[in-house]
């Protein structure tokens, strides 16, 4: 792993780790699907403002960019983001973060088949088994990470795992087909399409009642929009494009540590021995997957 990737990986892991905890505050006041829809549309407006007032940014017109970014917006943004936010109604941000940490295992398997420069070997295979084994331990133990819920819900687990599979598809697409595109333009189209996909569904299926939202709920929404959706999505695309899919997967190593500590300090979530053991298995797997791997740097967007 090239050392130049580490600051980007650490920052992205911190942003997404704290974002999980902040979003758990929001889903206590918003319907999860409405929360995601509003968050995505607000992030889209931020991009619109940049295109409107910045002389350096022009609205992208490349048809291939719009085609691929639309795919990312639906398959790798709208679906997994809704699934992850919804999972926070069933379990702690720490549990959700730990399951997100298994992303390198899915990415490594997919990269073996679709990315010629990131093939599977025995070390990576062992890492995949360790990472998925750590997740299985948490699921089989029924950990919720919440002090008032003794048994975690299979629905919460399934939502996060499904989200990781959809995210994997997007990561592979970026590496194979999207190296020449601007991270900013792709993210703008991606989030806009995702918002236009989620918001109508949210209104039709869940309604749009915001009467119960307090100042903490609005703070959660703004933070999730500007940090988790706007800033972090641009950074995520940049990391994947410049340093590779395996480098991007390292962010999942930082996310659970940040989310678990922040969740305990802010929301009184719990960390059990089994969660820590699961984290050790997953972390060991990630180290095996990524260790001694030299990634070719990609050009800046």
Protein backbone atom coordinates (compact mmCIF):
# COMPACT_ATOMS: atom_id res chain seq x y z
CA UNK A 1 0.00 0.00 0.00
CA UNK A 2 1.45 3.37 -1.00
CA UNK A 3 1.89 5.60 2.04
CA UNK A 4 0.41 8.57 0.18
CA UNK A 5 -2.99 6.90 0.46
CA UNK A 6 -3.00 6.79 4.28
CA UNK A 7 -4.10 10.38 5.06
CA UNK A 8 -6.97 10.13 2.57
CA UNK A 9 -8.02 6.73 3.91
CA UNK A 10 -7.90 7.94 7.51
CA UNK A 11 -9.90 11.09 6.79
CA UNK A 12 -12.55 9.22 4.81
CA UNK A 13 -12.88 6.60 7.55
CA UNK A 14 -13.29 9.34 10.16
CA UNK A 15 -15.94 11.19 8.15
CA UNK A 16 -18.00 8.07 7.53
CA UNK A 17 -17.50 6.74 11.06
CA UNK A 18 -18.82 9.89 12.73
CA UNK A 19 -21.50 10.14 10.06
CA UNK A 20 -22.95 6.77 11.11
CA UNK A 21 -23.33 7.93 14.70
CA UNK A 22 -24.83 11.28 13.72
CA UNK A 23 -27.29 9.57 11.36
CA UNK A 24 -28.51 7.32 14.17
CA UNK A 25 -29.65 10.50 15.92
CA UNK A 26 -31.52 11.49 12.77
CA UNK A 27 -33.32 8.21 12.20
CA UNK A 28 -34.83 8.52 15.65
CA UNK A 29 -36.77 11.54 14.36
CA UNK A 30 -37.02 11.04 10.59
CA UNK A 31 -38.33 8.07 8.68
CA UNK A 32 -35.10 6.47 7.37
CA UNK A 33 -36.13 6.62 3.69
CA UNK A 34 -37.26 10.26 4.02
CA UNK A 35 -33.98 11.07 5.79
CA UNK A 36 -31.97 9.60 2.92
CA UNK A 37 -34.08 11.32 0.26
CA UNK A 38 -33.84 14.78 1.84
CA UNK A 39 -30.15 14.32 2.53
CA UNK A 40 -29.39 13.40 -1.08
CA UNK A 41 -31.44 16.25 -2.54
CA UNK A 42 -29.76 18.79 -0.25
CA UNK A 43 -26.37 17.46 -1.31
CA UNK A 44 -27.45 17.84 -4.93
CA UNK A 45 -28.34 21.48 -4.30
CA UNK A 46 -24.83 22.04 -2.97
CA UNK A 47 -23.44 20.80 -6.27
CA UNK A 48 -25.90 22.95 -8.22
CA UNK A 49 -24.66 26.00 -6.29
CA UNK A 50 -21.06 25.20 -7.21
CA UNK A 51 -21.89 24.81 -10.91
CA UNK A 52 -23.91 28.02 -10.83
CA UNK A 53 -21.44 30.30 -9.08
CA UNK A 54 -18.05 28.80 -9.92
CA UNK A 55 -16.39 29.80 -13.17
CA UNK A 56 -14.16 26.72 -12.99
CA UNK A 57 -16.97 24.17 -12.99
CA UNK A 58 -19.19 23.47 -15.98
CA UNK A 59 -22.14 21.08 -15.99
CA UNK A 60 -20.87 17.78 -17.47
CA UNK A 61 -22.19 16.85 -20.91
CA UNK A 62 -20.36 13.57 -21.54
CA UNK A 63 -23.00 10.89 -22.20
CA UNK A 64 -20.81 8.08 -20.85
CA UNK A 65 -20.26 9.98 -17.60
CA UNK A 66 -24.03 10.40 -17.19
CA UNK A 67 -24.65 6.74 -18.01
CA UNK A 68 -22.11 5.36 -15.54
CA UNK A 69 -22.88 7.95 -12.84
CA UNK A 70 -26.59 7.16 -13.14
CA UNK A 71 -25.79 3.50 -12.50
CA UNK A 72 -23.71 4.52 -9.48
CA UNK A 73 -26.49 6.80 -8.26
CA UNK A 74 -29.09 4.03 -8.21
CA UNK A 75 -27.15 0.84 -7.57
CA UNK A 76 -24.20 2.09 -5.51
CA UNK A 77 -25.72 5.09 -3.71
CA UNK A 78 -29.51 5.13 -3.37
CA UNK A 79 -29.90 1.44 -2.50
CA UNK A 80 -26.93 0.97 -0.11
CA UNK A 81 -27.39 4.36 1.57
CA UNK A 82 -31.04 3.63 2.30
CA UNK A 83 -30.14 0.16 3.57
CA UNK A 84 -27.40 1.41 5.89
CA UNK A 85 -29.50 4.23 7.36
CA UNK A 86 -32.42 1.84 7.85
CA UNK A 87 -30.15 -0.64 9.66
CA UNK A 88 -29.52 1.99 12.36
CA UNK A 89 -33.11 1.54 13.56
CA UNK A 90 -32.26 -2.08 14.48
CA UNK A 91 -28.72 -1.87 15.88
CA UNK A 92 -25.97 0.45 17.06
CA UNK A 93 -23.76 2.47 14.78
CA UNK A 94 -20.86 0.32 16.02
CA UNK A 95 -22.46 -2.92 14.80
CA UNK A 96 -23.36 -1.35 11.46
CA UNK A 97 -19.79 -0.06 11.14
CA UNK A 98 -18.31 -3.48 11.93
CA UNK A 99 -20.39 -5.12 9.22
CA UNK A 100 -19.41 -2.35 6.80
CA UNK A 101 -15.82 -3.27 7.58
CA UNK A 102 -16.27 -6.55 5.71
CA UNK A 103 -16.41 -4.57 2.45
CA UNK A 104 -12.77 -5.47 1.58
CA UNK A 105 -13.73 -9.14 1.47
CA UNK A 106 -16.47 -8.54 -1.10
CA UNK A 107 -14.31 -6.12 -3.08
CA UNK A 108 -11.40 -8.58 -3.12
CA UNK A 109 -13.58 -11.38 -4.44
CA UNK A 110 -15.10 -9.16 -7.13
CA UNK A 111 -11.72 -7.62 -8.03
CA UNK A 112 -10.31 -11.09 -8.71
CA UNK A 113 -12.85 -11.61 -11.48
CA UNK A 114 -13.13 -8.08 -12.89
CA UNK A 115 -9.81 -6.28 -12.23
CA UNK A 116 -6.78 -7.96 -13.84
CA UNK A 117 -4.29 -6.06 -11.64
CA UNK A 118 -5.89 -7.15 -8.33
CA UNK A 119 -5.96 -10.95 -8.43
CA UNK A 120 -6.69 -13.30 -5.53
CA UNK A 121 -3.89 -15.22 -3.82
CA UNK A 122 -3.68 -17.51 -0.79
CA UNK A 123 -3.03 -14.63 1.63
CA UNK A 124 -6.00 -12.67 0.38
CA UNK A 125 -8.20 -15.77 0.45
CA UNK A 126 -7.35 -16.33 4.11
CA UNK A 127 -8.09 -12.67 4.78
CA UNK A 128 -11.51 -13.00 3.16
CA UNK A 129 -12.34 -15.99 5.37
CA UNK A 130 -11.19 -14.17 8.52
CA UNK A 131 -13.14 -11.00 7.72
CA UNK A 132 -16.34 -12.82 6.87
CA UNK A 133 -15.81 -15.10 9.87
CA UNK A 134 -15.66 -12.06 12.17
CA UNK A 135 -18.92 -10.77 10.72
CA UNK A 136 -20.48 -14.21 11.09
CA UNK A 137 -19.46 -14.27 14.77
CA UNK A 138 -21.25 -10.97 15.42
CA UNK A 139 -24.36 -12.10 13.55
CA UNK A 140 -24.51 -15.57 15.16
CA UNK A 141 -24.07 -14.04 18.61
CA UNK A 142 -26.96 -11.68 17.87
CA UNK A 143 -25.06 -8.57 18.96
CA UNK A 144 -27.07 -5.33 18.81
CA UNK A 145 -24.63 -2.89 20.42
CA UNK A 146 -27.56 -1.28 22.24
CA UNK A 147 -27.90 -1.35 26.04
CA UNK A 148 -31.67 -1.91 25.95
CA UNK A 149 -31.80 -4.55 23.19
CA UNK A 150 -30.33 -7.95 24.05
CA UNK A 151 -30.72 -9.61 20.64
CA UNK A 152 -29.84 -8.02 17.32
CA UNK A 153 -32.27 -8.19 14.40
CA UNK A 154 -31.47 -10.29 11.29
CA UNK A 155 -33.08 -7.48 9.28
CA UNK A 156 -30.42 -5.02 10.41
CA UNK A 157 -27.62 -7.43 9.53
CA UNK A 158 -29.11 -8.22 6.12
CA UNK A 159 -29.51 -4.55 5.25
CA UNK A 160 -25.83 -3.79 5.81
CA UNK A 161 -24.56 -6.88 3.99
CA UNK A 162 -26.81 -6.12 1.03
CA UNK A 163 -25.51 -2.54 0.99
CA UNK A 164 -21.92 -3.80 0.82
CA UNK A 165 -22.70 -5.98 -2.20
CA UNK A 166 -24.20 -3.04 -4.08
CA UNK A 167 -21.27 -0.80 -3.09
CA UNK A 168 -18.86 -3.42 -4.42
CA UNK A 169 -20.46 -3.21 -7.86
CA UNK A 170 -19.90 0.54 -7.90
CA UNK A 171 -16.27 0.26 -6.79
CA UNK A 172 -15.50 -2.16 -9.61
CA UNK A 173 -17.22 0.07 -12.17
CA UNK A 174 -15.18 3.11 -11.10
CA UNK A 175 -11.91 1.23 -11.50
CA UNK A 176 -12.80 -0.34 -14.85
CA UNK A 177 -14.62 2.41 -16.69
CA UNK A 178 -14.36 5.78 -14.95
CA UNK A 179 -10.69 6.68 -14.59
CA UNK A 180 -10.90 9.60 -17.01
CA UNK A 181 -13.82 11.40 -15.36
CA UNK A 182 -13.77 14.18 -12.78
CA UNK A 183 -14.57 12.99 -9.25
CA UNK A 184 -16.61 16.14 -8.67
CA UNK A 185 -18.77 15.71 -11.80
CA UNK A 186 -19.39 12.02 -11.18
CA UNK A 187 -20.34 12.62 -7.56
CA UNK A 188 -22.68 15.48 -8.51
CA UNK A 189 -24.58 13.36 -11.04
CA UNK A 190 -24.46 10.31 -8.78
CA UNK A 191 -26.01 12.03 -5.77
CA UNK A 192 -28.57 13.91 -7.85
CA UNK A 193 -29.80 10.72 -9.51
CA UNK A 194 -29.87 8.97 -6.13
CA UNK A 195 -31.93 11.79 -4.59
CA UNK A 196 -34.38 11.84 -7.49
CA UNK A 197 -34.74 8.08 -7.09
CA UNK A 198 -35.24 7.92 -3.32
CA UNK A 199 -37.32 11.03 -2.61
CA UNK A 200 -40.42 10.18 -4.71
CA UNK A 201 -40.46 6.68 -3.24
CA UNK A 202 -40.16 8.11 0.27
CA UNK A 203 -43.07 10.52 -0.24
CA UNK A 204 -45.30 7.89 -1.85
CA UNK A 205 -44.61 5.13 0.66
CA UNK A 206 -43.82 6.99 3.89
CA UNK A 207 -45.27 10.49 3.61
CA UNK A 208 -43.43 13.69 4.51
CA UNK A 209 -44.16 14.56 8.14
CA UNK A 210 -41.33 16.57 9.75
CA UNK A 211 -43.30 17.85 12.73
CA UNK A 212 -41.39 15.69 15.23
CA UNK A 213 -37.92 16.78 14.13
CA UNK A 214 -35.93 18.75 16.73
CA UNK A 215 -32.71 20.75 16.47
CA UNK A 216 -30.61 17.61 16.98
CA UNK A 217 -32.44 15.95 14.11
CA UNK A 218 -31.81 18.88 11.80
CA UNK A 219 -28.14 18.92 12.83
CA UNK A 220 -27.96 15.23 11.96
CA UNK A 221 -29.45 15.90 8.53
CA UNK A 222 -27.10 18.81 7.77
CA UNK A 223 -24.02 16.87 8.93
CA UNK A 224 -25.01 13.80 6.94
CA UNK A 225 -25.56 15.99 3.89
CA UNK A 226 -22.45 18.18 3.92
CA UNK A 227 -20.02 15.68 5.45
CA UNK A 228 -21.32 12.18 4.70
CA UNK A 229 -22.83 12.84 1.27
CA UNK A 230 -21.10 15.89 -0.24
CA UNK A 231 -17.53 15.88 1.06
CA UNK A 232 -17.02 12.17 1.74
CA UNK A 233 -18.45 11.00 -1.58
CA UNK A 234 -16.02 13.22 -3.50
CA UNK A 235 -13.15 11.95 -1.37
CA UNK A 236 -14.26 8.32 -1.80
CA UNK A 237 -14.26 8.60 -5.58
CA UNK A 238 -10.84 10.28 -5.47
CA UNK A 239 -9.34 7.52 -3.29
CA UNK A 240 -10.72 4.74 -5.50
CA UNK A 241 -9.62 6.42 -8.70
CA UNK A 242 -6.13 7.44 -7.60
CA UNK A 243 -5.07 4.61 -5.28
CA UNK A 244 -7.26 1.66 -6.33
CA UNK A 245 -10.10 -0.50 -5.05
CA UNK A 246 -7.99 -2.18 -2.37
CA UNK A 247 -6.86 1.18 -0.99
CA UNK A 248 -10.45 2.36 -0.83
CA UNK A 249 -11.41 -0.79 1.08
CA UNK A 250 -9.01 0.22 3.88
CA UNK A 251 -11.40 2.98 4.92
CA UNK A 252 -13.58 0.23 6.34
CA UNK A 253 -10.82 -0.48 8.85
CA UNK A 254 -11.08 3.04 10.30
CA UNK A 255 -14.87 3.36 10.28
CA UNK A 256 -15.75 0.86 13.08
CA UNK A 257 -13.16 2.26 15.49
CA UNK A 258 -14.42 5.82 15.01
CA UNK A 259 -18.09 4.80 15.09
CA UNK A 260 -17.74 2.56 18.15
CA UNK A 261 -15.88 5.13 20.25
CA UNK A 262 -18.12 8.00 19.19
CA UNK A 263 -21.25 5.90 19.73
CA UNK A 264 -20.21 4.99 23.28
CA UNK A 265 -19.31 8.57 24.20
CA UNK A 266 -22.33 10.24 22.60
CA UNK A 267 -25.19 7.72 22.43
CA UNK A 268 -24.30 5.34 25.28
CA UNK A 269 -23.92 2.42 22.88
CA UNK A 270 -22.12 -0.66 24.14
CA UNK A 271 -19.04 -2.60 23.07
CA UNK A 272 -19.04 -6.28 24.09
CA UNK A 273 -16.25 -8.84 24.20
CA UNK A 274 -17.79 -10.60 21.19
CA UNK A 275 -17.86 -7.37 19.21
CA UNK A 276 -14.19 -6.80 20.00
CA UNK A 277 -13.35 -10.37 19.00
CA UNK A 278 -15.26 -9.92 15.77
CA UNK A 279 -13.35 -6.70 15.15
CA UNK A 280 -10.05 -8.55 15.66
CA UNK A 281 -11.02 -11.22 13.12
CA UNK A 282 -12.22 -8.64 10.60
CA UNK A 283 -9.20 -6.40 11.15
CA UNK A 284 -6.80 -9.32 10.76
CA UNK A 285 -8.55 -10.28 7.56
CA UNK A 286 -8.23 -6.76 6.19
CA UNK A 287 -4.52 -6.69 6.99
CA UNK A 288 -4.03 -9.97 5.11
CA UNK A 289 -6.08 -8.73 2.17
CA UNK A 290 -4.14 -5.47 1.86
CA UNK A 291 -0.73 -6.25 3.34
CA UNK A 292 2.39 -6.03 1.18
CA UNK A 293 0.28 -4.85 -1.73
CA UNK A 294 1.84 -2.23 -3.99
CA UNK A 295 -0.82 -0.25 -5.83
CA UNK A 296 -0.13 1.84 -8.92
CA UNK A 297 -1.06 5.46 -8.39
CA UNK A 298 -3.75 6.85 -10.65
CA UNK A 299 -3.64 10.41 -12.07
CA UNK A 300 -5.53 13.17 -10.33
CA UNK A 301 -8.99 14.00 -11.76
